[in-house]
């Protein structure tokens, strides 16, 4: 009998990883959307980081009804980054799905991603939208300004990432290449680059996650804005930190290594006029790769503008 090439037909165990901290206002609604997923072969790992509100009791109530929930309560507050690394290390599934405590998932999120997952891809993700207050799905529209990354070219992720952690799933083996996630690096961006080199990134053009925005949001950062307007220095530092990490990506080709090495060098030496000119010329040379995500009728002028802004921040 021929083996199925579809991941969903293999019925893999999916580990849903949630880092919880003082989420009493929203975590119940998110847990409902996770527990009611149409794909049922799940383990739901929740690491509570010493919440001081009723978050833990809410989780315990769900755990009493759903044995797939595994609650781990930290003895001391680890902080988001360390708690995230800890929670990920508890996952035993072949597939890992990251989940924010305050978002809302479509009921078929996991099923749809597993059905669409190309066999070789190491990571798959879907579209997501932000909302304030009460969710009204009819008001949620896709972002038509930017293209979404998919494929095997890590250079397209050198300065901009469209892969959101709350909307992705990975093969667990990807963690063997990534190791722990340092605080100064966006875990989804890093995973996307590693996945691109080691099998590829797949994308489902469908809204499957609704990201709640409120004053207590905790994340590794805002991946939805390239940060060019009035945030040049912060964005420059952000990219510089990530480029240094991308240089050590396992199994990256020599050509791609050279690309990242040159870009990292030029990016980190913009204090002199000559260096800025060299960075500008490099960005323009590879503009169709670096600025692939932009949707413009006349690409050249958009690329010219952003190459200048990035070089003369």
Protein backbone atom coordinates (compact mmCIF):
# COMPACT_ATOMS: atom_id res chain seq x y z
CA UNK A 1 0.00 0.00 0.00
CA UNK A 2 1.42 3.40 -1.02
CA UNK A 3 2.23 5.81 1.78
CA UNK A 4 0.25 9.06 1.82
CA UNK A 5 2.26 12.20 1.09
CA UNK A 6 -0.24 14.40 2.93
CA UNK A 7 0.74 15.36 6.46
CA UNK A 8 -2.86 15.41 7.68
CA UNK A 9 -3.39 11.81 6.55
CA UNK A 10 -0.62 10.77 8.94
CA UNK A 11 -2.65 12.22 11.82
CA UNK A 12 0.36 13.75 13.60
CA UNK A 13 0.22 14.91 17.20
CA UNK A 14 0.13 18.71 17.21
CA UNK A 15 1.50 20.52 20.25
CA UNK A 16 -0.24 23.85 20.82
CA UNK A 17 2.11 25.96 22.95
CA UNK A 18 0.72 28.84 25.02
CA UNK A 19 2.63 31.17 27.33
CA UNK A 20 0.22 32.59 29.89
CA UNK A 21 0.56 35.56 32.20
CA UNK A 22 -2.24 37.65 33.69
CA UNK A 23 -4.56 36.86 30.82
CA UNK A 24 -7.82 36.46 32.73
CA UNK A 25 -9.71 38.85 30.45
CA UNK A 26 -9.01 37.01 27.19
CA UNK A 27 -7.53 33.55 27.69
CA UNK A 28 -10.90 31.84 28.16
CA UNK A 29 -12.08 32.89 24.69
CA UNK A 30 -8.81 31.74 23.13
CA UNK A 31 -8.86 28.38 24.93
CA UNK A 32 -12.36 27.77 23.62
CA UNK A 33 -11.17 28.23 20.03
CA UNK A 34 -8.21 25.91 20.65
CA UNK A 35 -10.17 23.16 22.41
CA UNK A 36 -12.88 23.25 19.75
CA UNK A 37 -10.48 22.79 16.84
CA UNK A 38 -11.82 20.45 14.17
CA UNK A 39 -8.48 18.63 14.22
CA UNK A 40 -8.45 16.82 17.54
CA UNK A 41 -5.10 15.04 17.89
CA UNK A 42 -3.66 17.78 20.06
CA UNK A 43 -1.73 18.35 23.24
CA UNK A 44 -2.23 21.83 24.64
CA UNK A 45 0.79 22.96 26.64
CA UNK A 46 0.29 26.02 28.82
CA UNK A 47 3.14 27.51 30.84
CA UNK A 48 1.75 29.98 33.37
CA UNK A 49 4.41 32.47 34.44
CA UNK A 50 3.21 33.17 38.00
CA UNK A 51 0.03 35.00 37.05
CA UNK A 52 -1.34 37.19 39.85
CA UNK A 53 -4.92 37.22 38.56
CA UNK A 54 -7.37 34.38 37.89
CA UNK A 55 -5.58 33.10 34.77
CA UNK A 56 -4.49 29.84 36.40
CA UNK A 57 -7.97 29.03 37.71
CA UNK A 58 -9.42 29.62 34.24
CA UNK A 59 -6.89 27.18 32.76
CA UNK A 60 -7.52 24.62 35.50
CA UNK A 61 -11.24 24.77 34.77
CA UNK A 62 -10.59 24.00 31.10
CA UNK A 63 -8.06 21.29 32.00
CA UNK A 64 -10.65 19.54 34.14
CA UNK A 65 -12.87 19.20 31.08
CA UNK A 66 -10.19 18.58 28.43
CA UNK A 67 -7.43 16.08 29.28
CA UNK A 68 -5.34 17.28 26.34
CA UNK A 69 -4.40 20.37 28.37
CA UNK A 70 -1.09 20.17 30.24
CA UNK A 71 -0.65 23.06 32.66
CA UNK A 72 2.80 23.95 33.97
CA UNK A 73 3.05 26.62 36.66
CA UNK A 74 6.40 28.31 37.14
CA UNK A 75 7.68 28.67 40.70
CA UNK A 76 9.30 31.99 39.82
CA UNK A 77 8.46 34.48 37.09
CA UNK A 78 10.70 33.73 34.10
CA UNK A 79 9.70 36.59 31.86
CA UNK A 80 8.20 36.06 28.42
CA UNK A 81 11.34 35.01 26.57
CA UNK A 82 12.50 32.36 29.05
CA UNK A 83 8.97 31.10 29.56
CA UNK A 84 8.55 30.76 25.81
CA UNK A 85 11.73 28.68 25.51
CA UNK A 86 10.62 26.57 28.47
CA UNK A 87 7.15 25.95 27.04
CA UNK A 88 8.47 25.01 23.60
CA UNK A 89 10.81 22.49 25.23
CA UNK A 90 7.81 20.69 26.73
CA UNK A 91 6.23 19.93 23.34
CA UNK A 92 6.22 16.28 22.31
CA UNK A 93 4.22 16.53 19.07
CA UNK A 94 5.64 16.14 15.58
CA UNK A 95 4.06 19.50 14.76
CA UNK A 96 4.15 22.61 16.94
CA UNK A 97 1.65 25.48 16.77
CA UNK A 98 2.37 28.66 18.71
CA UNK A 99 -0.59 30.36 20.31
CA UNK A 100 -0.99 33.75 22.00
CA UNK A 101 -3.24 33.81 25.06
CA UNK A 102 -5.38 36.69 23.82
CA UNK A 103 -6.05 35.84 20.16
CA UNK A 104 -8.93 33.99 18.51
CA UNK A 105 -8.50 31.08 16.11
CA UNK A 106 -10.76 29.91 13.34
CA UNK A 107 -12.19 26.51 14.29
CA UNK A 108 -10.51 24.77 11.33
CA UNK A 109 -7.16 26.55 11.61
CA UNK A 110 -5.04 23.48 12.35
CA UNK A 111 -6.96 21.24 9.96
CA UNK A 112 -6.64 23.70 7.06
CA UNK A 113 -2.90 24.19 7.59
CA UNK A 114 -2.26 20.45 7.82
CA UNK A 115 -4.29 19.80 4.66
CA UNK A 116 -2.35 22.44 2.73
CA UNK A 117 1.08 21.50 4.06
CA UNK A 118 3.54 20.48 1.31
CA UNK A 119 5.49 17.42 2.40
CA UNK A 120 8.92 19.08 2.16
CA UNK A 121 8.04 22.39 3.82
CA UNK A 122 9.33 22.86 7.35
CA UNK A 123 6.90 25.65 8.23
CA UNK A 124 3.44 26.73 7.18
CA UNK A 125 1.45 29.80 8.16
CA UNK A 126 -1.78 31.58 7.36
CA UNK A 127 -2.96 35.15 7.09
CA UNK A 128 -4.07 36.98 10.23
CA UNK A 129 -5.71 40.28 11.04
CA UNK A 130 -5.77 42.56 14.04
CA UNK A 131 -8.85 43.71 15.89
CA UNK A 132 -9.75 46.00 18.77
CA UNK A 133 -12.54 45.41 21.26
CA UNK A 134 -15.17 42.89 20.23
CA UNK A 135 -14.36 40.78 17.18
CA UNK A 136 -16.50 41.37 14.11
CA UNK A 137 -15.22 39.07 11.38
CA UNK A 138 -17.18 40.86 8.69
CA UNK A 139 -15.02 43.94 9.30
CA UNK A 140 -11.75 42.03 9.07
CA UNK A 141 -10.08 42.56 5.72
CA UNK A 142 -6.85 41.14 4.34
CA UNK A 143 -3.81 43.34 4.05
CA UNK A 144 -3.43 43.97 0.32
CA UNK A 145 -0.40 46.24 0.66
CA UNK A 146 2.23 43.53 1.14
CA UNK A 147 2.88 40.14 -0.39
CA UNK A 148 3.37 37.19 1.95
CA UNK A 149 6.58 35.20 1.93
CA UNK A 150 6.68 31.60 0.79
CA UNK A 151 9.36 29.45 -0.80
CA UNK A 152 13.02 28.69 -0.24
CA UNK A 153 14.86 32.00 -0.79
CA UNK A 154 16.03 33.29 2.63
CA UNK A 155 17.31 36.52 1.07
CA UNK A 156 13.72 37.71 0.79
CA UNK A 157 13.60 37.71 4.59
CA UNK A 158 16.78 39.73 5.05
CA UNK A 159 15.11 42.99 6.11
CA UNK A 160 11.40 42.25 6.31
CA UNK A 161 9.33 39.36 7.66
CA UNK A 162 5.69 38.53 6.95
CA UNK A 163 5.62 35.23 8.87
CA UNK A 164 3.71 35.79 12.12
CA UNK A 165 4.32 33.43 15.03
CA UNK A 166 0.68 33.32 16.12
CA UNK A 167 -0.33 32.07 12.65
CA UNK A 168 2.35 29.44 11.97
CA UNK A 169 3.02 25.77 12.57
CA UNK A 170 6.38 24.04 12.29
CA UNK A 171 7.81 20.57 12.12
CA UNK A 172 9.44 19.90 15.47
CA UNK A 173 12.75 19.11 13.78
CA UNK A 174 13.06 22.80 12.97
CA UNK A 175 13.76 23.43 16.66
CA UNK A 176 16.88 21.28 16.44
CA UNK A 177 18.34 23.87 14.07
CA UNK A 178 17.06 26.95 15.87
CA UNK A 179 17.94 26.10 19.48
CA UNK A 180 16.78 28.55 22.13
CA UNK A 181 15.42 31.93 21.10
CA UNK A 182 17.40 34.90 22.45
CA UNK A 183 15.47 37.90 23.71
CA UNK A 184 16.74 40.26 21.02
CA UNK A 185 15.51 38.12 18.12
CA UNK A 186 11.96 37.64 16.81
CA UNK A 187 11.39 33.88 16.97
CA UNK A 188 9.07 33.81 13.96
CA UNK A 189 11.53 35.69 11.76
CA UNK A 190 14.36 33.37 12.77
CA UNK A 191 12.25 30.26 12.20
CA UNK A 192 11.17 31.53 8.78
CA UNK A 193 14.77 31.93 7.60
CA UNK A 194 15.79 28.51 8.91
CA UNK A 195 12.72 26.91 7.37
CA UNK A 196 13.33 28.58 3.99
CA UNK A 197 16.77 26.97 3.87
CA UNK A 198 15.66 23.59 5.22
CA UNK A 199 12.65 22.56 3.13
CA UNK A 200 10.80 25.79 2.57
CA UNK A 201 7.97 27.95 3.90
CA UNK A 202 4.36 27.44 2.80
CA UNK A 203 1.56 30.00 3.04
CA UNK A 204 -2.23 29.66 3.14
CA UNK A 205 -3.94 32.76 1.80
CA UNK A 206 -6.78 32.65 4.30
CA UNK A 207 -7.47 34.48 7.58
CA UNK A 208 -7.23 31.86 10.32
CA UNK A 209 -6.13 33.99 13.28
CA UNK A 210 -7.58 37.17 14.74
CA UNK A 211 -4.92 39.01 16.73
CA UNK A 212 -6.35 41.02 19.60
CA UNK A 213 -4.76 44.41 20.21
CA UNK A 214 -4.83 45.87 23.72
CA UNK A 215 -2.54 47.80 26.04
CA UNK A 216 -1.09 44.69 27.68
CA UNK A 217 0.00 42.88 24.51
CA UNK A 218 3.26 41.00 24.98
CA UNK A 219 5.16 39.99 21.88
CA UNK A 220 8.64 39.90 20.42
CA UNK A 221 7.76 42.96 18.37
CA UNK A 222 5.73 44.39 15.56
CA UNK A 223 6.34 42.45 12.35
CA UNK A 224 3.62 44.18 10.40
CA UNK A 225 5.43 47.45 9.79
CA UNK A 226 8.75 47.89 8.07
CA UNK A 227 9.31 50.82 10.42
CA UNK A 228 10.66 53.30 7.90
CA UNK A 229 8.66 56.31 9.11
CA UNK A 230 10.27 58.05 12.10
CA UNK A 231 11.69 54.74 13.34
CA UNK A 232 14.80 54.48 11.20
CA UNK A 233 17.34 53.94 13.93
CA UNK A 234 15.25 51.42 15.84
CA UNK A 235 14.55 49.51 12.65
CA UNK A 236 18.21 49.64 11.62
CA UNK A 237 19.21 48.13 14.98
CA UNK A 238 16.49 45.49 14.71
CA UNK A 239 17.67 44.33 11.28
CA UNK A 240 21.31 44.42 12.34
CA UNK A 241 20.62 42.06 15.26
CA UNK A 242 18.77 39.63 13.03
CA UNK A 243 21.33 39.66 10.24
CA UNK A 244 24.02 38.60 12.71
CA UNK A 245 21.89 35.59 13.68
CA UNK A 246 20.95 34.71 10.10
CA UNK A 247 24.63 34.33 9.24
CA UNK A 248 24.72 31.12 11.28
CA UNK A 249 21.66 29.52 9.67
CA UNK A 250 22.23 25.75 9.30
CA UNK A 251 22.58 24.42 5.73
CA UNK A 252 22.50 27.84 4.07
CA UNK A 253 24.14 27.81 0.63
CA UNK A 254 27.48 29.53 0.06
CA UNK A 255 25.86 32.10 -2.24
CA UNK A 256 23.23 33.00 0.32
CA UNK A 257 25.85 33.13 3.06
CA UNK A 258 27.83 35.60 0.95
CA UNK A 259 24.72 37.72 0.41
CA UNK A 260 23.96 37.94 4.14
CA UNK A 261 27.61 38.52 5.01
CA UNK A 262 27.85 41.46 2.59
CA UNK A 263 24.54 42.93 3.69
CA UNK A 264 25.40 42.58 7.38
CA UNK A 265 28.74 44.30 6.83
CA UNK A 266 27.27 47.18 4.84
CA UNK A 267 24.31 47.51 7.20
CA UNK A 268 26.61 47.84 10.19
CA UNK A 269 28.88 50.46 8.61
CA UNK A 270 26.67 53.39 7.66
CA UNK A 271 28.44 56.05 9.69
CA UNK A 272 30.54 57.11 6.71
CA UNK A 273 29.27 58.54 3.44
CA UNK A 274 31.10 55.94 1.31
CA UNK A 275 29.58 53.09 3.29
CA UNK A 276 26.10 54.52 2.86
CA UNK A 277 26.59 54.74 -0.88
CA UNK A 278 27.76 51.11 -0.98
CA UNK A 279 24.71 49.98 0.99
CA UNK A 280 22.43 51.96 -1.31
CA UNK A 281 23.99 50.35 -4.40
CA UNK A 282 23.73 46.88 -2.83
CA UNK A 283 20.05 47.37 -2.01
CA UNK A 284 19.33 48.58 -5.53
CA UNK A 285 21.27 45.69 -7.07
CA UNK A 286 19.13 43.18 -5.17
CA UNK A 287 16.01 45.33 -4.99
CA UNK A 288 13.70 42.74 -6.58
CA UNK A 289 14.72 40.24 -3.93
CA UNK A 290 14.92 42.54 -0.91
CA UNK A 291 11.75 44.53 -1.66
CA UNK A 292 9.74 41.63 -3.08
CA UNK A 293 6.97 42.17 -0.52
CA UNK A 294 5.92 45.58 -1.84
CA UNK A 295 2.99 45.88 -4.21
CA UNK A 296 3.57 48.92 -6.42
CA UNK A 297 2.60 49.74 -9.99
CA UNK A 298 6.04 51.22 -10.60
CA UNK A 299 8.41 49.14 -8.49
CA UNK A 300 11.59 50.96 -9.44
CA UNK A 301 10.71 54.27 -7.77
CA UNK A 302 9.48 52.52 -4.64
CA UNK A 303 12.70 50.52 -4.44
CA UNK A 304 14.75 53.65 -5.03
CA UNK A 305 12.98 55.49 -2.23
CA UNK A 306 13.36 52.71 0.32
CA UNK A 307 16.96 51.96 -0.60
CA UNK A 308 17.73 55.62 0.10
CA UNK A 309 15.82 55.65 3.41
CA UNK A 310 17.54 52.50 4.63
CA UNK A 311 20.99 53.74 3.63
CA UNK A 312 20.64 57.27 5.02
CA UNK A 313 18.63 56.64 8.19
